[in-house]
Amino acid sequence: MKQTILARGAALVTAAVFCNQAMAHAGHDHNHWSSPALHALAVMAVAAVGAGVWVALRQRKQKAKLPTQQEK
């Protein structure tokens, strides 16, 4: 069930990011002087989110591998 929710969330984020209306709105001017910097910031933000997800999944996997310690 968690994987289904995660898959739906990933599909929603993908649709939002790659939607033509979001990427090609009237104010989306590639000739503006700030365009390269803003695009770099957007790419870095996506990379940071991806890195955060990767770290969280890795930590979850490592926790699942640890043997449970029972107090005696």
Foldseek 3Di string as FASTA:
>chain_A
DVVVVVVVVVVVVVCVVPPPCVQPPPPNDCPDPCNVVVVVVVVVVVVVVVVVVVVVVVVVVVVVPDDDDDDD
